[in-house]
Protein backbone atom coordinates (compact mmCIF):
# COMPACT_ATOMS: atom_id res chain seq x y z
CA MET A 1 -15.42 -71.35 76.00
CA ILE A 2 -17.71 -68.66 75.00
CA GLN A 3 -15.03 -66.11 74.75
CA ARG A 4 -12.89 -68.29 72.41
CA SER A 5 -16.01 -68.92 70.21
CA LEU A 6 -16.58 -64.93 69.73
CA PHE A 7 -12.94 -64.50 68.97
CA SER A 8 -13.06 -66.81 65.86
CA THR A 9 -16.29 -65.23 64.85
CA GLY A 10 -14.71 -61.65 64.69
CA ARG A 11 -11.53 -62.85 63.16
CA LEU A 12 -13.89 -64.56 60.10
CA THR A 13 -15.82 -61.09 59.91
CA ALA A 14 -12.40 -59.20 59.76
CA LEU A 15 -11.32 -61.70 56.61
CA VAL A 16 -14.43 -61.39 55.02
CA VAL A 17 -14.39 -57.53 54.96
CA SER A 18 -10.81 -57.75 53.45
CA ALA A 19 -11.57 -60.12 50.57
CA VAL A 20 -14.50 -58.17 49.72
CA ALA A 21 -12.36 -54.77 49.60
CA LEU A 22 -9.43 -56.69 47.99
CA GLY A 23 -12.23 -57.61 45.25
CA LEU A 24 -13.50 -53.96 44.71
CA THR A 25 -9.94 -52.66 44.25
CA GLY A 26 -9.21 -55.47 41.64
CA CYS A 27 -12.23 -54.47 39.99
CA ASP A 28 -11.27 -50.76 39.92
CA LYS A 29 -8.09 -51.53 38.29
CA ALA A 30 -9.38 -53.68 35.43
CA LYS A 31 -11.93 -50.85 34.46
CA ALA A 32 -9.57 -48.15 33.09
CA PRO A 33 -11.08 -45.13 31.79
CA GLU A 34 -11.06 -44.94 28.09
CA THR A 35 -9.39 -42.02 26.28
CA PRO A 36 -11.85 -40.27 24.35
CA VAL A 37 -12.45 -40.53 20.22
CA ARG A 38 -11.56 -36.69 19.19
CA ALA A 39 -13.38 -35.37 16.46
CA VAL A 40 -11.32 -33.64 14.15
CA ARG A 41 -11.13 -31.89 10.68
CA THR A 42 -8.54 -33.07 8.06
CA MET A 43 -7.26 -32.00 4.62
CA VAL A 44 -5.08 -33.77 2.33
CA ILE A 45 -2.34 -32.10 1.32
CA ALA A 46 -1.07 -31.34 -2.23
CA ASP A 47 1.70 -30.28 -4.29
CA THR A 48 1.46 -26.39 -5.00
CA GLY A 49 4.97 -25.41 -6.40
CA GLY A 50 6.66 -22.35 -4.82
CA ILE A 51 4.19 -20.01 -5.78
CA LEU A 52 2.23 -18.01 -3.28
CA ASP A 53 -1.07 -15.60 -4.32
CA ARG A 54 -1.00 -12.31 -2.28
CA GLU A 55 -3.83 -9.85 -2.03
CA PHE A 56 -2.87 -6.08 -1.06
CA SER A 57 -5.46 -3.60 -0.47
CA GLY A 58 -4.80 -0.16 -2.69
CA GLU A 59 -6.29 3.01 -3.68
CA ILE A 60 -7.64 4.11 -6.96
CA ARG A 61 -5.98 7.45 -7.89
CA ALA A 62 -5.53 9.70 -11.02
CA ARG A 63 -2.47 8.83 -13.57
CA VAL A 64 -1.49 12.64 -12.87
CA GLU A 65 -2.36 14.37 -9.54
CA THR A 66 -0.95 18.20 -9.18
CA ARG A 67 -1.03 20.05 -6.02
CA LEU A 68 -1.78 23.63 -7.26
CA SER A 69 -0.14 26.48 -5.23
CA PHE A 70 0.50 30.29 -6.09
CA ARG A 71 3.47 31.86 -7.56
CA VAL A 72 3.73 34.76 -5.52
CA PRO A 73 3.26 35.23 -1.51
CA GLY A 74 0.16 36.78 -0.34
CA LYS A 75 -3.61 36.81 1.21
CA ILE A 76 -6.13 34.65 -0.35
CA THR A 77 -9.36 36.54 -0.76
CA ALA A 78 -11.67 34.07 -2.40
CA ARG A 79 -11.52 30.40 -3.20
CA GLN A 80 -13.78 29.58 -6.10
CA ALA A 81 -13.28 25.42 -6.08
CA GLU A 82 -14.63 23.25 -3.60
CA LEU A 83 -13.87 19.63 -2.28
CA GLY A 84 -15.04 16.89 -5.03
CA GLN A 85 -15.88 19.91 -7.45
CA SER A 86 -15.15 19.09 -11.30
CA VAL A 87 -13.36 22.11 -13.11
CA ARG A 88 -11.91 22.67 -16.21
CA GLY A 89 -8.84 23.77 -17.58
CA GLY A 90 -7.97 27.74 -16.95
CA GLN A 91 -10.61 27.99 -14.89
CA VAL A 92 -10.08 30.33 -11.71
CA LEU A 93 -9.85 28.44 -8.27
CA ALA A 94 -8.41 30.99 -5.85
CA GLN A 95 -7.48 34.79 -5.74
CA LEU A 96 -4.92 36.25 -3.69
CA ASP A 97 -5.14 40.43 -2.61
CA ALA A 98 -2.88 41.63 -5.89
CA ALA A 99 -3.14 45.67 -4.48
CA ASP A 100 0.64 45.34 -3.66
CA LEU A 101 1.04 43.66 -6.92
CA ARG A 102 -0.74 46.25 -9.08
CA LEU A 103 1.64 48.94 -7.41
CA GLY A 104 4.05 47.11 -8.50
CA GLN A 105 3.40 46.97 -11.96
CA GLU A 106 2.64 50.41 -12.24
CA ALA A 107 6.09 51.44 -10.62
CA ALA A 108 7.76 49.18 -13.56
CA ARG A 109 5.60 50.81 -16.23
CA ALA A 110 6.99 54.46 -14.74
CA GLY A 111 10.41 53.22 -14.73
CA LEU A 112 10.13 51.81 -18.44
CA MET A 113 8.69 55.30 -19.72
CA ALA A 114 11.58 57.57 -18.06
CA ALA A 115 14.17 54.83 -19.63
CA GLN A 116 12.11 55.49 -23.38
CA ALA A 117 12.93 59.00 -22.41
CA GLN A 118 16.44 58.43 -21.70
CA ALA A 119 17.20 56.01 -24.60
CA GLN A 120 15.47 58.88 -26.96
CA GLN A 121 17.82 61.70 -25.54
CA ALA A 122 20.69 59.94 -25.85
CA ALA A 123 20.14 58.95 -29.50
CA ALA A 124 19.34 62.51 -30.57
CA ASP A 125 22.55 63.52 -28.73
CA PHE A 126 24.45 61.18 -30.26
CA LYS A 127 22.84 62.58 -33.68
CA ARG A 128 24.52 65.91 -32.95
CA PHE A 129 27.54 65.03 -31.93
CA GLN A 130 27.88 62.93 -34.82
CA ASP A 131 27.32 66.35 -37.23
CA LEU A 132 29.89 68.17 -34.82
CA ARG A 133 32.44 65.46 -35.48
CA ALA A 134 31.89 65.61 -39.18
CA GLN A 135 32.57 69.36 -39.30
CA GLY A 136 35.62 68.96 -36.89
CA PHE A 137 33.95 71.07 -33.80
CA ILE A 138 34.81 67.96 -31.89
CA SER A 139 36.93 65.32 -30.92
CA ALA A 140 37.12 61.80 -31.48
CA ALA A 141 36.96 60.62 -27.85
CA GLU A 142 34.16 63.13 -27.14
CA LEU A 143 32.36 61.53 -30.01
CA GLU A 144 32.66 57.91 -28.27
CA ARG A 145 32.02 59.19 -25.14
CA HIS A 146 28.45 60.27 -26.45
CA GLN A 147 28.02 56.88 -28.04
CA THR A 148 28.77 54.79 -24.75
CA MET A 149 26.15 57.20 -23.27
CA LEU A 150 23.60 56.00 -26.04
CA LYS A 151 24.51 51.92 -25.36
CA SER A 152 24.06 52.55 -21.81
CA ALA A 153 20.25 54.24 -22.03
CA GLU A 154 19.55 51.48 -24.52
CA ALA A 155 20.79 48.69 -21.94
CA SER A 156 18.73 50.65 -19.37
CA LEU A 157 15.83 50.84 -21.72
CA ALA A 158 15.68 47.21 -22.60
CA GLN A 159 16.25 46.16 -18.65
CA ALA A 160 13.12 48.58 -17.70
CA ARG A 161 11.01 47.07 -20.31
CA ALA A 162 11.94 43.37 -18.85
CA GLN A 163 11.12 44.29 -15.38
CA SER A 164 7.88 46.05 -16.55
CA GLN A 165 6.65 42.29 -18.06
CA VAL A 166 7.64 40.37 -14.84
CA GLN A 167 5.78 42.74 -12.63
CA GLY A 168 2.86 42.31 -15.11
CA ASN A 169 3.53 38.38 -14.81
CA GLN A 170 3.53 38.92 -11.11
CA THR A 171 0.24 40.30 -11.06
CA SER A 172 -1.20 37.40 -13.12
CA TYR A 173 -0.08 35.07 -11.09
CA SER A 174 -2.53 36.27 -8.00
CA GLN A 175 -4.78 34.20 -9.79
CA LEU A 176 -4.37 30.38 -9.15
CA THR A 177 -6.02 28.63 -12.38
CA ALA A 178 -6.65 24.73 -13.02
CA THR A 179 -3.75 23.11 -15.54
CA ALA A 180 -6.03 20.79 -16.64
CA ALA A 181 -9.57 19.45 -16.72
CA GLY A 182 -10.05 17.61 -13.61
CA VAL A 183 -11.82 16.87 -10.07
CA ILE A 184 -10.42 18.80 -6.85
CA THR A 185 -9.57 16.21 -4.36
CA SER A 186 -7.80 18.53 -1.45
CA VAL A 187 -8.07 21.98 -0.70
CA ASP A 188 -5.37 23.21 1.88
CA ALA A 189 -5.87 27.14 2.32
CA GLU A 190 -8.76 28.93 3.14
CA PRO A 191 -10.05 32.63 2.42
CA GLY A 192 -7.94 35.04 4.86
CA GLN A 193 -4.84 32.93 5.04
CA VAL A 194 -1.45 34.12 4.25
CA VAL A 195 0.52 31.84 2.37
CA ALA A 196 4.03 31.61 0.85
CA ALA A 197 4.77 30.94 -2.80
CA GLY A 198 4.72 27.51 -3.51
CA MET A 199 2.36 26.32 -0.33
CA PRO A 200 0.18 23.80 -1.45
CA VAL A 201 -3.64 25.21 -1.83
CA ILE A 202 -5.67 22.92 -4.00
CA THR A 203 -4.65 19.15 -5.48
CA LEU A 204 -6.35 18.55 -8.67
CA ALA A 205 -6.61 15.23 -10.31
CA HIS A 206 -6.51 15.38 -13.68
CA ASP A 207 -9.08 13.72 -15.96
CA GLY A 208 -7.93 10.69 -17.93
CA PRO A 209 -6.23 6.99 -17.11
CA ARG A 210 -6.32 5.98 -13.59
CA ASP A 211 -4.22 3.80 -11.24
CA VAL A 212 -4.41 1.46 -8.43
CA VAL A 213 -1.63 2.42 -5.95
CA PHE A 214 -0.63 -0.11 -3.37
CA VAL A 215 2.43 -0.97 -1.37
CA ILE A 216 4.34 -4.61 -0.81
CA PRO A 217 6.87 -5.37 1.72
CA GLU A 218 10.63 -4.76 1.45
CA ASP A 219 11.09 -8.89 0.91
CA LEU A 220 8.70 -9.36 -2.40
CA SER A 221 10.80 -6.24 -4.42
CA ALA A 222 12.76 -8.68 -6.26
CA ALA A 223 9.65 -10.81 -7.17
CA VAL A 224 7.67 -7.71 -8.41
CA ARG A 225 10.33 -5.83 -10.01
CA PRO A 226 10.32 -8.47 -13.22
CA LEU A 227 6.74 -7.80 -13.20
CA VAL A 228 6.85 -3.89 -14.14
CA GLY A 229 5.40 -3.03 -17.76
CA LYS A 230 4.19 -7.05 -18.34
CA PRO A 231 0.33 -6.74 -19.41
CA GLY A 232 -2.30 -8.45 -17.10
CA ALA A 233 0.71 -9.09 -14.58
CA LEU A 234 -1.73 -8.47 -11.90
CA LYS A 235 -5.61 -8.47 -11.08
CA VAL A 236 -7.46 -5.92 -9.49
CA ARG A 237 -11.54 -5.68 -8.61
CA ARG A 238 -12.89 -2.67 -6.75
CA TRP A 239 -14.77 -2.67 -3.36
CA GLY A 240 -17.95 -4.49 -3.34
CA SER A 241 -17.41 -6.32 -6.51
CA ASP A 242 -16.71 -9.50 -7.39
CA ARG A 243 -15.17 -8.97 -11.06
CA TRP A 244 -11.79 -9.25 -11.47
CA VAL A 245 -9.70 -6.63 -13.99
CA PRO A 246 -6.49 -7.72 -15.51
CA ALA A 247 -3.87 -4.70 -14.81
CA THR A 248 -0.52 -3.80 -15.61
CA ILE A 249 2.42 -2.45 -13.11
CA ARG A 250 3.26 0.62 -14.53
CA GLU A 251 5.80 1.88 -11.89
CA MET A 252 7.32 0.65 -8.74
CA ALA A 253 9.51 2.73 -6.13
CA ALA A 254 13.33 2.35 -6.32
CA ALA A 255 13.74 2.23 -2.64
CA ALA A 256 11.76 1.40 0.56
CA ASP A 257 9.63 3.86 2.61
CA THR A 258 12.47 4.88 5.61
CA VAL A 259 9.57 4.28 7.82
CA THR A 260 7.54 1.38 6.79
CA ARG A 261 10.01 -0.38 4.82
CA THR A 262 7.28 -1.13 2.15
CA LEU A 263 7.63 0.12 -1.80
CA GLN A 264 4.98 1.87 -3.49
CA VAL A 265 3.43 0.34 -6.50
CA LYS A 266 1.18 1.89 -9.18
CA ALA A 267 -0.69 -0.13 -11.94
CA ASP A 268 -2.83 0.90 -14.82
CA VAL A 269 -6.02 -0.32 -13.95
CA GLY A 270 -7.73 -0.11 -17.65
CA ALA A 271 -11.16 -0.67 -17.46
CA LEU A 272 -12.32 -1.16 -14.07
CA ASP A 273 -15.07 0.99 -13.17
CA ALA A 274 -14.14 2.66 -9.98
CA THR A 275 -14.02 6.29 -8.69
CA LEU A 276 -11.09 8.26 -7.46
CA GLY A 277 -10.47 7.67 -3.92
CA GLN A 278 -12.22 4.21 -3.81
CA THR A 279 -10.69 1.12 -2.57
CA ALA A 280 -9.83 -1.81 -4.35
CA THR A 281 -7.99 -5.42 -3.90
CA VAL A 282 -4.84 -6.05 -5.73
CA ALA A 283 -4.33 -9.90 -6.60
CA LEU A 284 -0.50 -10.60 -7.10
CA THR A 285 0.94 -14.36 -7.55
CA VAL A 286 4.68 -14.43 -6.66
CA PRO A 287 7.21 -17.06 -6.27
CA ALA A 288 7.89 -17.58 -2.62
CA ARG A 289 11.43 -18.33 -0.83
CA ILE A 290 11.45 -21.83 -1.91
CA ARG A 291 11.48 -23.27 -5.22
CA GLU A 292 9.19 -26.62 -3.96
CA GLY A 293 6.47 -26.42 -0.86
CA LEU A 294 3.45 -27.33 0.37
CA ARG A 295 0.83 -25.16 1.58
CA LEU A 296 -1.34 -25.51 4.55
CA PRO A 297 -3.96 -23.37 7.04
CA LEU A 298 -1.64 -21.74 9.39
CA HIS A 299 -4.35 -23.23 12.36
CA ALA A 300 -2.87 -26.54 11.27
CA LEU A 301 0.22 -25.71 12.98
CA THR A 302 1.26 -26.01 16.65
CA GLU A 303 4.25 -26.12 18.64
CA HIS A 304 6.11 -28.61 20.63
CA GLN A 305 9.57 -28.05 22.42
CA GLY A 306 10.03 -25.04 20.28
CA LYS A 307 9.29 -26.60 17.03
CA SER A 308 6.38 -26.42 14.39
CA VAL A 309 4.91 -29.35 14.39
CA VAL A 310 1.58 -30.89 12.79
CA TRP A 311 -0.73 -33.78 13.19
CA LEU A 312 -0.79 -36.58 10.84
CA LEU A 313 -3.65 -39.04 10.31
CA ASP A 314 -3.37 -42.73 9.57
CA PRO A 315 -6.74 -43.17 7.82
CA LYS A 316 -5.96 -47.13 8.31
CA SER A 317 -5.86 -47.00 12.03
CA MET A 318 -7.65 -43.51 12.49
CA THR A 319 -4.77 -42.44 15.05
CA VAL A 320 -2.57 -39.60 14.88
CA SER A 321 1.03 -38.93 15.27
CA ARG A 322 3.18 -35.74 15.59
CA GLN A 323 5.72 -34.55 12.66
CA ASN A 324 8.21 -31.75 12.90
CA VAL A 325 8.00 -29.61 9.75
CA ILE A 326 10.01 -26.34 8.55
CA THR A 327 7.69 -23.29 7.38
CA ALA A 328 8.89 -20.72 4.92
CA ASP A 329 6.30 -18.05 3.73
CA VAL A 330 3.20 -17.00 5.17
CA SER A 331 0.27 -15.52 3.46
CA GLY A 332 -2.71 -14.32 5.61
CA ASN A 333 -3.77 -17.57 6.99
CA ILE A 334 -1.75 -19.64 4.73
CA VAL A 335 1.54 -21.14 5.65
CA LEU A 336 4.35 -22.38 3.30
CA VAL A 337 5.98 -25.74 4.30
CA ALA A 338 9.61 -26.17 2.92
CA ALA A 339 10.10 -29.33 4.82
CA GLY A 340 8.81 -32.30 6.74
CA LEU A 341 5.41 -33.06 4.58
CA ARG A 342 4.76 -34.74 1.19
CA PRO A 343 2.08 -34.48 -1.20
CA GLY A 344 -0.83 -37.03 -0.27
CA GLN A 345 -0.58 -37.17 3.58
CA GLU A 346 -3.55 -36.01 5.44
CA VAL A 347 -3.39 -33.44 8.15
CA VAL A 348 -5.67 -32.74 11.22
CA THR A 349 -6.52 -28.66 10.71
CA ALA A 350 -8.47 -28.39 13.32
CA GLY A 351 -8.54 -30.16 17.00
CA ALA A 352 -4.70 -30.48 16.83
CA HIS A 353 -4.07 -28.98 20.56
CA VAL A 354 -6.13 -31.53 21.90
CA LEU A 355 -4.70 -34.33 20.54
CA THR A 356 -2.00 -36.79 22.07
CA PRO A 357 0.17 -39.40 19.83
CA GLY A 358 -1.68 -42.59 18.86
CA GLN A 359 -4.60 -41.19 20.16
CA LYS A 360 -8.11 -42.25 17.87
CA VAL A 361 -9.75 -39.50 16.06
CA LYS A 362 -13.01 -39.90 13.98
CA ARG A 363 -13.46 -37.32 10.57
CA LEU A 364 -17.06 -35.36 10.88
CA VAL A 365 -16.60 -35.34 6.91
CA ASP A 366 -15.96 -37.99 4.26
CA LYS A 367 -12.54 -38.17 2.55
CA ALA A 368 -14.03 -36.62 -0.46
CA ALA A 369 -14.67 -33.52 1.02
CA ALA A 370 -11.15 -33.16 2.39
CA ASP A 371 -9.79 -33.97 -0.95
CA ALA A 372 -11.98 -31.01 -2.38
CA ALA A 373 -11.03 -28.57 0.51
CA ALA A 374 -7.19 -29.59 -0.20
CA GLY A 375 -8.04 -28.77 -4.02
CA ALA A 376 -9.12 -25.21 -2.91
CA VAL A 377 -5.95 -24.83 -1.01
CA GLY A 378 -3.70 -25.83 -4.40
CA ALA A 379 -5.69 -22.91 -6.18
CA GLN A 380 -5.76 -19.34 -4.40
CA SER A 381 -6.97 -19.14 -1.15
CA LEU A 382 -6.81 -22.13 1.19
CA ALA A 383 -10.81 -23.10 2.14
CA ALA A 384 -11.13 -25.05 5.39
CA PRO A 385 -13.08 -28.13 5.38
CA ALA A 386 -16.62 -27.77 6.82
CA THR A 387 -16.24 -29.52 10.34
CA ALA A 388 -15.50 -28.17 13.64
CA VAL A 389 -14.01 -29.84 16.42
CA LYS A 390 -16.63 -30.62 19.06
């Protein structure tokens, strides 16, 4: 009787424990973890047309820059010009050892004197033989022979005179002089060095107009070339300044560089207050590869299954959805979207990497700030809204 009572009590205890466990399990299923509400940064996209504002780094250079060299070979004995020095036209910049050149000049002068003497002797002989022919003492053939000798002597004299002048010029070439007033921007040879004729020794930047020189990618060639010669086709500002100055493209390379595949462009900076060699920023507005498009910050794009996507925000439900897009040009941190979006949609620009479809989000800025950011994108460079993902 006692054993049967104990068995019943134990069975009842087990049933109670099982019921409690089942109750606890049911409570856990009822309390599913809540999906966190993400804080995101958004912007309302605007129609920008099919243009992009591009900025390039350039260098201020002289309109005319000459690499000066000696016209004769020799050993440099002195250099009077230093890097950065301002010089005037005709000023001596470097000197060669002219000893051999002077000896050559003296030899040419001696040859000239000998040719003059021979020409004078030939002229006197021809005159005497003319008299003898008139008296009938010599034949006409003999007179013609002496006339030919006179012409040969006169030709030799002209040759010696020209050779003497050439040798005199060669001696004067031992001095390297400035072709115009300007500034020395490069020195490539030092005293004691033996240089060949035509080897660059000094680079002279002429005083006068200044250009900004920069390079553009090969794919912009068709867009930039029509701007050559148009006043104010681009804007330039020197490094450290916020003042933009209109500039005119003066010339553009006909072919791309074989190594960098870029084209060099030179633009007249006009009134820009800049010094030689100073860095400048060039702003250029060019059409994109498509006629219509929308701008987005590059960090608004993510990748899903090998495709470019963005996250769209539904302002009513404050949920996000994934949207496939097709991109075109990229300029810095700005991407031009060719298809997949329309003006007025609100795009997540920060926090996109942690989102899932249908997830609840919240803005850390009001919609007015997002619209202001979108307006900044429609101007020159896209300014991101001032909120960050937490």
